[in-house]
Amino acid sequence: MEKIESELCDKVQAQVLYGPKDLRLVCSLPNPTEPHAYEYFQVSQPISPPLAEEVQIAMKATTLCGSDLHYYTHFRNGDIEIKQPLSQGHECAGLVVAVGSEVEAKYGLHVGDRVAVEAGVPCDECEVCLEGAYNVCEKMRFRSSATAFPHYQGTLRERFNHPAKWVHKLPDSLTYVDGALLEPLAVAIHAVRKAAAKPMATCLVIGAGAVGLLCAATAKGSGYGRVVMADIAQNRLAFALENGFADETVTLHARQPQSLGEGLAFAKEDAAGLVAKNHGDKFARVFECTGVEGCVRTAIHVSYKDIICSFFRGTDWKV
């Protein structure tokens, strides 16, 4: 815990996206209790104090996702279109600078705590939430996502208020950067656990981005004898190999099929190359970490009939 006094401020700087490649640094964000305040992002609009079960966090490290890049370039992600100015940034870690009236007693959080933030906030009321499967809540609000309206603003800003229930203390051994990666790591751990590792078997990870690397690392720690990683980016694969995430890598070709039939043909061709790298055998487990339609098809073709594939769903699949 860092020793600081509780401190509230009137205004914060934030990165806000107003349109395709129209990125601005503004002085404040809208008050969430005023749905139409987003239209102007006026300098006079203050950041409100945290509610009873909220903490105010000074952001220290945050992550960006592929969706952030799509939003920046196109102001949309697949069929998800931004309808108001959006601050980007997903999972993050930061310093608690203010707490609501019920936070210390109910959640044990205090000013000065270093914390990791879950960017997704479920409703806490539906059947799946009550069963503990809050990650599939249909009413989930996710920071820097345009799926809900008004949008749940992202973490690329100096400060923000967040429900204390979805904030976790960081041990001294972890940096803020480590803390920002805890949620993607949890995704990888969950996927590998659900896949029920076969000891000493070979698994395939498609996609050498952050989640793919974390899946590969988790798979290695779960008893897989060999991890093969595939991606279209040779530099990513080189990083994975050099840093011990993968035992072998395969470079896939970036292609844009003009029809469903051509897409299926490309998938079978890529699958044949991957199987050849595995001594002619299909893979015991496959982790598809791109959300790209063609990669999903490939994952199916390199899998045994009783395979467990962990998919990270894209926004416009026609598999």
Protein backbone atom coordinates (compact mmCIF):
# COMPACT_ATOMS: atom_id res chain seq x y z
CA MET A 1 0.00 0.00 0.00
CA GLU A 2 1.22 3.47 -0.86
CA LYS A 3 0.77 6.07 1.89
CA ILE A 4 -1.32 8.86 0.38
CA GLU A 5 -4.17 10.99 1.55
CA SER A 6 -7.63 10.61 0.05
CA GLU A 7 -7.74 13.08 -2.79
CA LEU A 8 -10.55 14.06 -5.13
CA CYS A 9 -10.12 16.27 -8.18
CA ASP A 10 -12.51 18.23 -10.37
CA LYS A 11 -11.18 17.29 -13.79
CA VAL A 12 -9.20 14.52 -15.45
CA GLN A 13 -7.48 14.21 -18.79
CA ALA A 14 -8.70 11.41 -21.03
CA GLN A 15 -8.04 9.99 -24.48
CA VAL A 16 -11.30 10.14 -26.44
CA LEU A 17 -12.09 8.86 -29.93
CA TYR A 18 -14.57 11.03 -31.85
CA GLY A 19 -14.46 9.31 -35.24
CA PRO A 20 -12.17 7.26 -37.50
CA LYS A 21 -8.60 8.30 -36.59
CA ASP A 22 -10.01 11.32 -34.74
CA LEU A 23 -8.26 10.88 -31.41
CA ARG A 24 -8.29 13.75 -28.91
CA LEU A 25 -7.02 14.49 -25.43
CA VAL A 26 -9.85 16.09 -23.46
CA CYS A 27 -9.97 17.46 -19.97
CA SER A 28 -12.86 15.44 -18.57
CA LEU A 29 -15.36 12.66 -19.17
CA PRO A 30 -19.15 12.72 -18.93
CA ASN A 31 -21.01 12.18 -15.70
CA PRO A 32 -22.49 8.65 -16.04
CA THR A 33 -25.72 9.85 -14.37
CA GLU A 34 -26.31 12.24 -17.28
CA PRO A 35 -26.64 10.08 -20.43
CA HIS A 36 -26.54 13.01 -22.85
CA ALA A 37 -23.52 14.78 -21.37
CA TYR A 38 -21.29 12.75 -23.69
CA GLU A 39 -22.19 15.00 -26.62
CA TYR A 40 -19.74 17.72 -25.67
CA PHE A 41 -17.20 16.39 -23.13
CA GLN A 42 -17.14 19.90 -21.71
CA VAL A 43 -14.16 21.01 -19.68
CA SER A 44 -16.57 22.15 -16.97
CA GLN A 45 -17.88 18.60 -16.49
CA PRO A 46 -16.19 17.22 -13.34
CA ILE A 47 -15.44 13.64 -12.42
CA SER A 48 -17.90 12.74 -9.69
CA PRO A 49 -16.81 11.31 -6.30
CA PRO A 50 -17.10 7.50 -6.05
CA LEU A 51 -20.48 6.09 -5.08
CA ALA A 52 -20.92 4.09 -1.86
CA GLU A 53 -19.51 0.86 -3.34
CA GLU A 54 -17.06 2.41 -5.80
CA VAL A 55 -13.39 3.29 -5.70
CA GLN A 56 -11.68 6.06 -7.62
CA ILE A 57 -8.54 4.82 -9.33
CA ALA A 58 -5.56 6.70 -10.68
CA MET A 59 -4.63 4.65 -13.75
CA LYS A 60 -0.97 3.55 -13.92
CA ALA A 61 -0.96 0.89 -16.67
CA THR A 62 -3.61 -0.18 -19.16
CA THR A 63 -3.99 -2.59 -22.06
CA LEU A 64 -5.14 -2.08 -25.62
CA CYS A 65 -7.03 -4.72 -27.58
CA GLY A 66 -7.50 -5.48 -31.25
CA SER A 67 -10.94 -3.91 -30.92
CA ASP A 68 -9.29 -0.62 -29.94
CA LEU A 69 -7.40 -0.64 -33.24
CA HIS A 70 -10.58 -1.39 -35.19
CA TYR A 71 -12.42 1.38 -33.35
CA TYR A 72 -9.58 3.82 -34.06
CA THR A 73 -9.37 2.95 -37.74
CA HIS A 74 -13.04 2.45 -38.61
CA PHE A 75 -15.02 3.75 -35.60
CA ARG A 76 -16.52 0.28 -35.42
CA ASN A 77 -15.53 -3.33 -34.72
CA GLY A 78 -17.27 -5.69 -37.13
CA ASP A 79 -20.99 -5.02 -36.70
CA ILE A 80 -20.46 -3.09 -33.46
CA GLU A 81 -20.62 0.62 -34.27
CA ILE A 82 -19.59 3.44 -31.93
CA LYS A 83 -22.52 5.77 -31.27
CA GLN A 84 -20.81 8.37 -29.06
CA PRO A 85 -17.28 9.60 -28.32
CA LEU A 86 -15.43 6.73 -26.66
CA SER A 87 -12.44 6.62 -24.35
CA GLN A 88 -10.38 3.52 -25.12
CA GLY A 89 -8.35 1.16 -22.92
CA HIS A 90 -9.34 -2.17 -21.39
CA GLU A 91 -7.90 -4.01 -18.39
CA CYS A 92 -5.71 -1.88 -16.19
CA ALA A 93 -4.02 -1.44 -12.84
CA GLY A 94 -3.77 1.65 -10.72
CA LEU A 95 -3.77 3.32 -7.33
CA VAL A 96 -6.88 3.80 -5.18
CA VAL A 97 -7.15 7.54 -4.46
CA ALA A 98 -10.67 7.68 -3.00
CA VAL A 99 -13.24 5.19 -1.71
CA GLY A 100 -17.00 5.19 -1.29
CA SER A 101 -18.62 5.11 2.13
CA GLU A 102 -19.14 1.31 2.21
CA VAL A 103 -15.95 0.16 0.49
CA GLU A 104 -13.56 -0.25 3.42
CA ALA A 105 -15.99 -2.28 5.53
CA LYS A 106 -17.46 -4.38 2.71
CA TYR A 107 -14.47 -4.93 0.41
CA GLY A 108 -11.41 -4.17 2.53
CA LEU A 109 -10.04 -1.64 0.07
CA HIS A 110 -8.34 1.55 1.23
CA VAL A 111 -6.81 4.69 -0.21
CA GLY A 112 -3.25 3.82 -1.25
CA ASP A 113 -3.99 0.25 -2.33
CA ARG A 114 -2.44 -0.89 -5.59
CA VAL A 115 -5.11 -2.73 -7.55
CA ALA A 116 -5.91 -4.60 -10.75
CA VAL A 117 -9.22 -3.78 -12.41
CA GLU A 118 -11.64 -6.18 -14.09
CA ALA A 119 -12.80 -4.22 -17.12
CA GLY A 120 -16.04 -6.20 -17.44
CA VAL A 121 -18.82 -5.44 -14.95
CA PRO A 122 -21.76 -7.91 -14.97
CA CYS A 123 -25.30 -7.23 -13.76
CA ASP A 124 -24.92 -9.45 -10.64
CA GLU A 125 -28.62 -10.29 -10.85
CA CYS A 126 -29.23 -12.75 -13.70
CA GLU A 127 -29.16 -16.54 -13.45
CA VAL A 128 -25.64 -16.97 -14.81
CA CYS A 129 -24.26 -14.29 -12.48
CA LEU A 130 -25.89 -15.95 -9.47
CA GLU A 131 -24.35 -19.26 -10.57
CA GLY A 132 -20.90 -17.66 -10.65
CA ALA A 133 -20.56 -17.61 -14.44
CA TYR A 134 -20.60 -13.82 -14.58
CA ASN A 135 -18.20 -13.82 -17.54
CA VAL A 136 -21.12 -14.78 -19.83
CA CYS A 137 -23.60 -12.28 -18.41
CA GLU A 138 -25.76 -10.92 -21.25
CA LYS A 139 -25.83 -7.50 -19.57
CA MET A 140 -22.06 -7.30 -19.11
CA ARG A 141 -20.67 -3.79 -19.50
CA PHE A 142 -17.08 -3.77 -20.71
CA ARG A 143 -14.84 -0.75 -20.63
CA SER A 144 -13.99 0.65 -24.06
CA SER A 145 -16.74 -1.40 -25.70
CA ALA A 146 -19.53 -0.04 -27.88
CA THR A 147 -21.79 -3.07 -27.34
CA ALA A 148 -23.93 -1.24 -24.78
CA PHE A 149 -25.31 2.29 -24.92
CA PRO A 150 -24.39 4.62 -23.36
CA HIS A 151 -20.94 3.11 -23.87
CA TYR A 152 -18.88 2.10 -20.84
CA GLN A 153 -15.91 4.45 -21.12
CA GLY A 154 -12.40 2.98 -21.24
CA THR A 155 -9.42 3.28 -18.92
CA LEU A 156 -7.13 5.57 -20.93
CA ARG A 157 -7.68 8.47 -18.57
CA GLU A 158 -6.07 9.81 -15.45
CA ARG A 159 -8.81 8.65 -13.09
CA PHE A 160 -12.12 6.83 -13.13
CA ASN A 161 -14.64 5.37 -10.70
CA HIS A 162 -15.15 1.60 -10.70
CA PRO A 163 -17.24 -0.86 -8.65
CA ALA A 164 -15.10 -2.02 -5.73
CA LYS A 165 -16.31 -5.61 -6.18
CA TRP A 166 -14.39 -5.82 -9.47
CA VAL A 167 -11.11 -4.48 -8.14
CA HIS A 168 -8.37 -6.72 -6.72
CA LYS A 169 -5.40 -5.83 -4.53
CA LEU A 170 -1.96 -6.39 -6.04
CA PRO A 171 0.78 -8.08 -4.00
CA ASP A 172 4.04 -6.16 -3.70
CA SER A 173 5.70 -8.69 -6.00
CA LEU A 174 3.62 -7.55 -9.00
CA THR A 175 4.09 -4.31 -10.92
CA TYR A 176 1.26 -2.22 -12.33
CA VAL A 177 2.07 -3.65 -15.77
CA ASP A 178 1.74 -7.17 -14.35
CA GLY A 179 -1.58 -6.18 -12.83
CA ALA A 180 -2.94 -4.94 -16.15
CA LEU A 181 -2.31 -8.40 -17.63
CA LEU A 182 -4.04 -10.40 -14.89
CA GLU A 183 -7.44 -10.45 -16.61
CA PRO A 184 -6.07 -11.75 -19.95
CA LEU A 185 -4.08 -14.30 -17.96
CA ALA A 186 -7.28 -15.41 -16.24
CA VAL A 187 -8.85 -15.89 -19.69
CA ALA A 188 -5.95 -18.14 -20.69
CA ILE A 189 -6.06 -20.15 -17.47
CA HIS A 190 -9.82 -20.65 -17.81
CA ALA A 191 -9.46 -21.84 -21.43
CA VAL A 192 -6.68 -24.30 -20.60
CA ARG A 193 -8.58 -25.67 -17.61
CA LYS A 194 -11.74 -26.14 -19.67
CA ALA A 195 -9.72 -27.99 -22.31
CA ALA A 196 -8.56 -30.56 -19.71
CA ALA A 197 -4.93 -31.04 -20.68
CA LYS A 198 -3.67 -34.41 -21.83
CA PRO A 199 -0.27 -34.97 -20.17
CA MET A 200 2.66 -34.76 -22.61
CA ALA A 201 0.33 -34.25 -25.60
CA THR A 202 0.88 -31.58 -28.26
CA CYS A 203 -1.41 -28.57 -28.40
CA LEU A 204 -1.77 -25.89 -31.05
CA VAL A 205 -2.21 -22.19 -30.30
CA ILE A 206 -3.44 -20.09 -33.23
CA GLY A 207 -2.57 -16.44 -32.71
CA ALA A 208 0.60 -15.11 -31.09
CA GLY A 209 -0.90 -12.00 -29.55
CA ALA A 210 -1.15 -11.38 -25.82
CA VAL A 211 -3.88 -13.95 -25.15
CA GLY A 212 -2.21 -16.51 -27.41
CA LEU A 213 1.12 -16.12 -25.61
CA LEU A 214 -0.58 -16.41 -22.23
CA CYS A 215 -2.46 -19.52 -23.40
CA ALA A 216 0.81 -21.05 -24.58
CA ALA A 217 2.54 -20.28 -21.28
CA THR A 218 -0.39 -21.71 -19.31
CA ALA A 219 -0.48 -24.82 -21.50
CA LYS A 220 3.23 -25.40 -20.90
CA GLY A 221 2.66 -25.14 -17.17
CA SER A 222 -0.28 -27.55 -17.33
CA GLY A 223 1.59 -30.58 -18.60
CA TYR A 224 1.54 -30.36 -22.38
CA GLY A 225 4.68 -31.88 -23.78
CA ARG A 226 4.86 -29.62 -26.81
CA VAL A 227 3.26 -26.34 -27.84
CA VAL A 228 3.02 -25.35 -31.51
CA MET A 229 2.06 -21.76 -32.29
CA ALA A 230 0.76 -20.36 -35.60
CA ASP A 231 0.36 -16.77 -36.75
CA ILE A 232 0.69 -14.62 -39.88
CA ALA A 233 3.30 -12.36 -38.23
CA GLN A 234 6.82 -13.79 -38.26
CA ASN A 235 8.07 -11.29 -35.68
CA ARG A 236 5.45 -12.43 -33.19
CA LEU A 237 6.35 -16.06 -33.76
CA ALA A 238 10.04 -15.28 -33.36
CA PHE A 239 9.28 -13.62 -30.02
CA ALA A 240 7.25 -16.65 -28.90
CA LEU A 241 10.04 -19.04 -29.83
CA GLU A 242 12.89 -16.98 -28.40
CA ASN A 243 11.12 -16.46 -25.08
CA GLY A 244 10.02 -20.05 -24.56
CA PHE A 245 6.30 -19.67 -25.18
CA ALA A 246 6.35 -22.15 -28.07
CA ASP A 247 8.41 -25.20 -29.00
CA GLU A 248 7.71 -24.79 -32.70
CA THR A 249 6.06 -22.16 -34.86
CA VAL A 250 4.25 -22.09 -38.20
CA THR A 251 3.78 -18.98 -40.33
CA LEU A 252 0.35 -18.84 -41.95
CA HIS A 253 -0.45 -16.83 -45.08
CA ALA A 254 -2.70 -13.77 -44.81
CA ARG A 255 -5.37 -14.29 -47.46
CA GLN A 256 -8.77 -12.81 -48.18
CA PRO A 257 -11.11 -15.45 -49.66
CA GLN A 258 -13.65 -14.21 -52.17
CA SER A 259 -16.23 -16.87 -51.36
CA LEU A 260 -17.17 -19.34 -48.65
CA GLY A 261 -15.85 -22.20 -50.78
CA GLU A 262 -12.50 -20.50 -51.24
CA GLY A 263 -12.34 -19.82 -47.50
CA LEU A 264 -12.90 -23.49 -46.75
CA ALA A 265 -10.20 -24.44 -49.24
CA PHE A 266 -7.72 -22.05 -47.62
CA ALA A 267 -8.55 -23.46 -44.18
CA LYS A 268 -7.96 -27.03 -45.32
CA GLU A 269 -4.68 -26.01 -46.94
CA ASP A 270 -3.45 -24.30 -43.76
CA ALA A 271 -4.63 -27.26 -41.69
CA ALA A 272 -2.65 -29.68 -43.86
CA GLY A 273 0.52 -27.66 -43.28
CA LEU A 274 -0.04 -27.59 -39.53
CA VAL A 275 -0.72 -31.32 -39.35
CA ALA A 276 2.47 -31.95 -41.33
CA LYS A 277 4.39 -30.00 -38.67
CA ASN A 278 2.91 -32.36 -36.08
CA HIS A 279 4.35 -35.46 -37.79
CA GLY A 280 1.10 -36.08 -39.66
CA ASP A 281 -1.09 -36.15 -36.56
CA LYS A 282 -3.94 -33.85 -35.65
CA PHE A 283 -3.70 -31.95 -32.37
CA ALA A 284 -4.93 -33.11 -28.98
CA ARG A 285 -6.10 -29.62 -28.08
CA VAL A 286 -6.42 -26.38 -30.05
CA PHE A 287 -6.66 -22.85 -28.67
CA GLU A 288 -7.96 -20.38 -31.27
CA CYS A 289 -6.91 -16.94 -30.01
CA THR A 290 -7.55 -14.66 -32.97
CA GLY A 291 -11.30 -14.58 -33.49
CA VAL A 292 -10.60 -14.57 -37.24
CA GLU A 293 -13.12 -16.55 -39.28
CA GLY A 294 -10.54 -18.42 -41.37
CA CYS A 295 -8.52 -19.39 -38.32
CA VAL A 296 -11.61 -20.88 -36.71
CA ARG A 297 -12.14 -23.06 -39.77
CA THR A 298 -8.50 -24.11 -39.67
CA ALA A 299 -8.79 -24.98 -35.97
CA ILE A 300 -11.65 -27.34 -36.73
CA HIS A 301 -9.74 -29.10 -39.51
CA VAL A 302 -6.61 -29.71 -37.40
CA SER A 303 -8.61 -31.18 -34.52
CA TYR A 304 -9.55 -34.74 -33.68
CA LYS A 305 -13.27 -35.47 -33.81
CA ASP A 306 -13.51 -35.44 -30.01
CA ILE A 307 -11.35 -32.35 -29.73
CA ILE A 308 -11.93 -29.52 -27.32
CA CYS A 309 -11.32 -26.20 -29.06
CA SER A 310 -11.25 -23.02 -27.02
CA PHE A 311 -12.53 -20.23 -29.25
CA PHE A 312 -12.26 -16.48 -28.76
CA ARG A 313 -15.29 -15.39 -30.77
CA GLY A 314 -15.05 -12.86 -33.57
CA THR A 315 -17.74 -10.35 -34.46
CA ASP A 316 -18.72 -11.56 -37.94
CA TRP A 317 -18.28 -15.32 -38.28
CA LYS A 318 -19.60 -17.35 -41.20
CA VAL A 319 -17.92 -20.66 -40.38
